[in-house]
Amino acid sequence: MTIADVVAARTGHDENVAASDGPRAGRPKRRTFTAEYKLRILGEYEKAESPRERAALLRREGIYTSTISEWRRTRDAAATAAIPESRPGRPARAAADAENERLRKENEKLAAGLARTKAALEVVGKAHALCATRGRTRLSELADWRVDRCRSAA
């Protein structure tokens, strides 16, 4: 900040003064700069041919060389961030592929359960058919018939 800015801030002639109440009353606010302003100042600074021209620009704008360095780092980091780097390791599966895999496993599980159910129904159906051919309609009657048959065979 220039001395003129500090004087203006103390007298309240500009809008860069903190709120009138509170512990920081009367102290200057931290300045904020837009991206366009930063790029414009960086361009002017880099176009300046002599250190005197650069120093004059810094004095005129009320900024330091460290600010210019920080803005350069930010600009360069933003330029390199636009280029995506390939990450090591296996590429991540797409969400659709993961969902397809989950559904395939669920389908296999359900198909195995269905096969077990069909096998159980087939056994029950055969037992029922056997009971019906012998004139018995209940499994308990079938069990009694087997016990009777075993006794007679012995």
C-alpha atoms as a PDB file:
ATOM      1  CA  MET A   1       0.000   0.000   0.000  1.00  0.00           C
ATOM      2  CA  THR A   2       1.184   3.486  -0.654  1.00  0.00           C
ATOM      3  CA  ILE A   3       1.308   6.212   1.955  1.00  0.00           C
ATOM      4  CA  ALA A   4      -1.605   7.920   0.240  1.00  0.00           C
ATOM      5  CA  ASP A   5      -3.669   4.759   0.625  1.00  0.00           C
ATOM      6  CA  VAL A   6      -2.870   4.533   4.327  1.00  0.00           C
ATOM      7  CA  VAL A   7      -3.777   8.197   4.888  1.00  0.00           C
ATOM      8  CA  ALA A   8      -7.012   7.776   2.947  1.00  0.00           C
ATOM      9  CA  ALA A   9      -7.831   4.636   4.912  1.00  0.00           C
ATOM     10  CA  ARG A  10      -7.261   6.354   8.247  1.00  0.00           C
ATOM     11  CA  THR A  11      -9.401   9.314   7.348  1.00  0.00           C
ATOM     12  CA  GLY A  12     -12.104   7.085   5.911  1.00  0.00           C
ATOM     13  CA  HIS A  13     -12.064   8.592   2.419  1.00  0.00           C
ATOM     14  CA  ASP A  14     -12.085   5.284   0.642  1.00  0.00           C
ATOM     15  CA  GLU A  15     -13.888   1.958   1.058  1.00  0.00           C
ATOM     16  CA  ASN A  16     -10.775  -0.012   2.044  1.00  0.00           C
ATOM     17  CA  VAL A  17     -11.245   0.514   5.784  1.00  0.00           C
ATOM     18  CA  ALA A  18     -12.478  -2.150   8.170  1.00  0.00           C
ATOM     19  CA  ALA A  19     -15.828  -1.765   9.911  1.00  0.00           C
ATOM     20  CA  SER A  20     -16.070   1.203  12.282  1.00  0.00           C
ATOM     21  CA  ASP A  21     -16.762  -1.057  15.259  1.00  0.00           C
ATOM     22  CA  GLY A  22     -14.726  -3.965  16.567  1.00  0.00           C
ATOM     23  CA  PRO A  23     -11.088  -4.607  17.393  1.00  0.00           C
ATOM     24  CA  ARG A  24      -9.800  -3.806  13.888  1.00  0.00           C
ATOM     25  CA  ALA A  25     -11.669  -0.550  13.521  1.00  0.00           C
ATOM     26  CA  GLY A  26      -9.764   2.015  11.513  1.00  0.00           C
ATOM     27  CA  ARG A  27      -7.228  -0.474  10.193  1.00  0.00           C
ATOM     28  CA  PRO A  28      -6.937  -0.975   6.455  1.00  0.00           C
ATOM     29  CA  LYS A  29      -8.541  -4.045   4.895  1.00  0.00           C
ATOM     30  CA  ARG A  30      -6.462  -6.505   2.955  1.00  0.00           C
ATOM     31  CA  ARG A  31      -6.704  -5.717  -0.736  1.00  0.00           C
ATOM     32  CA  THR A  32      -8.073  -8.281  -3.138  1.00  0.00           C
ATOM     33  CA  PHE A  33      -7.278  -8.458  -6.833  1.00  0.00           C
ATOM     34  CA  THR A  34      -9.263  -9.932  -9.674  1.00  0.00           C
ATOM     35  CA  ALA A  35      -7.735 -12.486 -12.008  1.00  0.00           C
ATOM     36  CA  GLU A  36      -7.912 -10.034 -14.896  1.00  0.00           C
ATOM     37  CA  TYR A  37      -6.032  -7.397 -12.896  1.00  0.00           C
ATOM     38  CA  LYS A  38      -3.330  -9.894 -11.906  1.00  0.00           C
ATOM     39  CA  LEU A  39      -2.831 -11.028 -15.503  1.00  0.00           C
ATOM     40  CA  ARG A  40      -2.725  -7.429 -16.741  1.00  0.00           C
ATOM     41  CA  ILE A  41      -0.094  -6.419 -14.162  1.00  0.00           C
ATOM     42  CA  LEU A  42       1.957  -9.573 -14.847  1.00  0.00           C
ATOM     43  CA  GLY A  43       1.882  -8.758 -18.561  1.00  0.00           C
ATOM     44  CA  GLU A  44       3.004  -5.190 -17.960  1.00  0.00           C
ATOM     45  CA  TYR A  45       5.729  -6.333 -15.550  1.00  0.00           C
ATOM     46  CA  GLU A  46       7.096  -8.911 -17.986  1.00  0.00           C
ATOM     47  CA  LYS A  47       7.006  -6.413 -20.904  1.00  0.00           C
ATOM     48  CA  ALA A  48       9.004  -3.842 -18.945  1.00  0.00           C
ATOM     49  CA  GLU A  49      12.513  -3.699 -20.393  1.00  0.00           C
ATOM     50  CA  SER A  50      14.460  -2.319 -17.452  1.00  0.00           C
ATOM     51  CA  PRO A  51      14.408  -2.815 -13.699  1.00  0.00           C
ATOM     52  CA  ARG A  52      13.497   0.876 -13.329  1.00  0.00           C
ATOM     53  CA  GLU A  53      10.312   0.388 -15.346  1.00  0.00           C
ATOM     54  CA  ARG A  54       9.414  -2.644 -13.258  1.00  0.00           C
ATOM     55  CA  ALA A  55      10.061  -0.766 -10.013  1.00  0.00           C
ATOM     56  CA  ALA A  56       7.942   2.158 -11.240  1.00  0.00           C
ATOM     57  CA  LEU A  57       5.070  -0.229 -12.020  1.00  0.00           C
ATOM     58  CA  LEU A  58       5.302  -1.804  -8.567  1.00  0.00           C
ATOM     59  CA  ARG A  59       5.321   1.613  -6.871  1.00  0.00           C
ATOM     60  CA  ARG A  60       2.413   2.834  -8.995  1.00  0.00           C
ATOM     61  CA  GLU A  61       0.311  -0.219  -8.139  1.00  0.00           C
ATOM     62  CA  GLY A  62       1.496  -0.451  -4.532  1.00  0.00           C
ATOM     63  CA  ILE A  63       2.589  -4.071  -4.720  1.00  0.00           C
ATOM     64  CA  TYR A  64       5.817  -5.950  -4.002  1.00  0.00           C
ATOM     65  CA  THR A  65       7.998  -8.260  -6.082  1.00  0.00           C
ATOM     66  CA  SER A  66       6.928 -11.127  -3.833  1.00  0.00           C
ATOM     67  CA  THR A  67       3.360 -10.509  -4.958  1.00  0.00           C
ATOM     68  CA  ILE A  68       4.455 -10.742  -8.590  1.00  0.00           C
ATOM     69  CA  SER A  69       6.308 -13.986  -7.816  1.00  0.00           C
ATOM     70  CA  GLU A  70       3.249 -15.436  -6.111  1.00  0.00           C
ATOM     71  CA  TRP A  71       0.981 -14.465  -9.017  1.00  0.00           C
ATOM     72  CA  ARG A  72       3.437 -16.083 -11.455  1.00  0.00           C
ATOM     73  CA  ARG A  73       3.441 -19.342  -9.468  1.00  0.00           C
ATOM     74  CA  THR A  74      -0.336 -19.345  -9.400  1.00  0.00           C
ATOM     75  CA  ARG A  75      -0.550 -18.671 -13.140  1.00  0.00           C
ATOM     76  CA  ASP A  76       1.995 -21.376 -13.969  1.00  0.00           C
ATOM     77  CA  ALA A  77       0.298 -23.899 -11.683  1.00  0.00           C
ATOM     78  CA  ALA A  78      -3.049 -23.202 -13.351  1.00  0.00           C
ATOM     79  CA  ALA A  79      -1.472 -23.711 -16.783  1.00  0.00           C
ATOM     80  CA  THR A  80       0.027 -27.077 -15.826  1.00  0.00           C
ATOM     81  CA  ALA A  81      -3.125 -28.180 -13.997  1.00  0.00           C
ATOM     82  CA  ALA A  82      -5.052 -27.946 -17.258  1.00  0.00           C
ATOM     83  CA  ILE A  83      -2.978 -30.845 -18.619  1.00  0.00           C
ATOM     84  CA  PRO A  84      -4.168 -34.029 -16.903  1.00  0.00           C
ATOM     85  CA  GLU A  85      -1.415 -36.388 -15.848  1.00  0.00           C
ATOM     86  CA  SER A  86      -1.878 -40.118 -16.185  1.00  0.00           C
ATOM     87  CA  ARG A  87      -2.043 -41.748 -12.789  1.00  0.00           C
ATOM     88  CA  PRO A  88      -0.017 -44.887 -12.106  1.00  0.00           C
ATOM     89  CA  GLY A  89      -1.790 -48.201 -11.668  1.00  0.00           C
ATOM     90  CA  ARG A  90      -4.847 -49.704 -13.186  1.00  0.00           C
ATOM     91  CA  PRO A  91      -7.382 -47.283 -14.595  1.00  0.00           C
ATOM     92  CA  ALA A  92     -10.517 -46.912 -12.545  1.00  0.00           C
ATOM     93  CA  ARG A  93     -13.544 -48.834 -13.718  1.00  0.00           C
ATOM     94  CA  ALA A  94     -16.430 -46.846 -15.046  1.00  0.00           C
ATOM     95  CA  ALA A  95     -19.545 -46.699 -12.886  1.00  0.00           C
ATOM     96  CA  ALA A  96     -21.509 -48.604 -15.530  1.00  0.00           C
ATOM     97  CA  ASP A  97     -18.944 -51.430 -15.531  1.00  0.00           C
ATOM     98  CA  ALA A  98     -19.112 -51.719 -11.747  1.00  0.00           C
ATOM     99  CA  GLU A  99     -22.909 -51.793 -11.871  1.00  0.00           C
ATOM    100  CA  ASN A 100     -22.846 -54.466 -14.603  1.00  0.00           C
ATOM    101  CA  GLU A 101     -20.481 -56.619 -12.507  1.00  0.00           C
ATOM    102  CA  ARG A 102     -22.712 -56.279  -9.434  1.00  0.00           C
ATOM    103  CA  LEU A 103     -25.811 -57.223 -11.435  1.00  0.00           C
ATOM    104  CA  ARG A 104     -24.021 -60.215 -13.034  1.00  0.00           C
ATOM    105  CA  LYS A 105     -23.058 -61.578  -9.596  1.00  0.00           C
ATOM    106  CA  GLU A 106     -26.571 -61.047  -8.292  1.00  0.00           C
ATOM    107  CA  ASN A 107     -27.973 -62.847 -11.346  1.00  0.00           C
ATOM    108  CA  GLU A 108     -25.655 -65.840 -10.782  1.00  0.00           C
ATOM    109  CA  LYS A 109     -26.682 -66.031  -7.116  1.00  0.00           C
ATOM    110  CA  LEU A 110     -30.369 -65.944  -7.989  1.00  0.00           C
ATOM    111  CA  ALA A 111     -29.910 -68.571 -10.732  1.00  0.00           C
ATOM    112  CA  ALA A 112     -28.187 -70.917  -8.243  1.00  0.00           C
ATOM    113  CA  GLY A 113     -31.037 -70.437  -5.753  1.00  0.00           C
ATOM    114  CA  LEU A 114     -33.574 -71.148  -8.475  1.00  0.00           C
ATOM    115  CA  ALA A 115     -31.753 -74.364  -9.428  1.00  0.00           C
ATOM    116  CA  ARG A 116     -31.845 -75.529  -5.774  1.00  0.00           C
ATOM    117  CA  THR A 117     -35.547 -74.732  -5.544  1.00  0.00           C
ATOM    118  CA  LYS A 118     -36.287 -76.633  -8.763  1.00  0.00           C
ATOM    119  CA  ALA A 119     -34.359 -79.669  -7.494  1.00  0.00           C
ATOM    120  CA  ALA A 120     -36.281 -79.626  -4.191  1.00  0.00           C
ATOM    121  CA  LEU A 121     -39.592 -79.345  -6.039  1.00  0.00           C
ATOM    122  CA  GLU A 122     -38.618 -82.258  -8.271  1.00  0.00           C
ATOM    123  CA  VAL A 123     -37.911 -84.459  -5.236  1.00  0.00           C
ATOM    124  CA  VAL A 124     -41.185 -83.465  -3.597  1.00  0.00           C
ATOM    125  CA  GLY A 125     -43.026 -84.092  -6.872  1.00  0.00           C
ATOM    126  CA  LYS A 126     -41.549 -87.587  -7.199  1.00  0.00           C
ATOM    127  CA  ALA A 127     -42.462 -88.387  -3.585  1.00  0.00           C
ATOM    128  CA  HIS A 128     -45.999 -87.183  -4.218  1.00  0.00           C
ATOM    129  CA  ALA A 129     -46.239 -89.260  -7.391  1.00  0.00           C
ATOM    130  CA  LEU A 130     -44.999 -92.326  -5.524  1.00  0.00           C
ATOM    131  CA  CYS A 131     -47.585 -91.798  -2.813  1.00  0.00           C
ATOM    132  CA  ALA A 132     -50.358 -91.362  -5.363  1.00  0.00           C
ATOM    133  CA  THR A 133     -49.495 -94.598  -7.188  1.00  0.00           C
ATOM    134  CA  ARG A 134     -49.650 -96.565  -3.925  1.00  0.00           C
ATOM    135  CA  GLY A 135     -52.994 -95.084  -2.966  1.00  0.00           C
ATOM    136  CA  ARG A 136     -51.547 -92.991  -0.229  1.00  0.00           C
ATOM    137  CA  THR A 137     -51.870 -89.259  -0.298  1.00  0.00           C
ATOM    138  CA  ARG A 138     -49.663 -88.183   2.555  1.00  0.00           C
ATOM    139  CA  LEU A 139     -45.963 -88.580   3.171  1.00  0.00           C
ATOM    140  CA  SER A 140     -46.673 -89.920   6.648  1.00  0.00           C
ATOM    141  CA  GLU A 141     -48.699 -92.705   5.070  1.00  0.00           C
ATOM    142  CA  LEU A 142     -45.755 -93.432   2.767  1.00  0.00           C
ATOM    143  CA  ALA A 143     -43.466 -93.691   5.757  1.00  0.00           C
ATOM    144  CA  ASP A 144     -45.895 -96.097   7.445  1.00  0.00           C
ATOM    145  CA  TRP A 145     -46.043 -98.184   4.251  1.00  0.00           C
ATOM    146  CA  ARG A 146     -42.246 -98.439   4.123  1.00  0.00           C
ATOM    147  CA  VAL A 147     -42.056 -99.496   7.759  1.00  0.00           C
ATOM    148  CA  ASP A 148     -44.753-102.145   7.149  1.00  0.00           C
ATOM    149  CA  ARG A 149     -42.958-103.381   4.013  1.00  0.00           C
ATOM    150  CA  CYS A 150     -39.646-103.631   5.827  1.00  0.00           C
ATOM    151  CA  ARG A 151     -41.274-105.709   8.623  1.00  0.00           C
ATOM    152  CA  SER A 152     -42.924-108.054   6.190  1.00  0.00           C
ATOM    153  CA  ALA A 153     -39.684-108.565   4.255  1.00  0.00           C
ATOM    154  CA  ALA A 154     -37.816-109.533   7.417  1.00  0.00           C
END
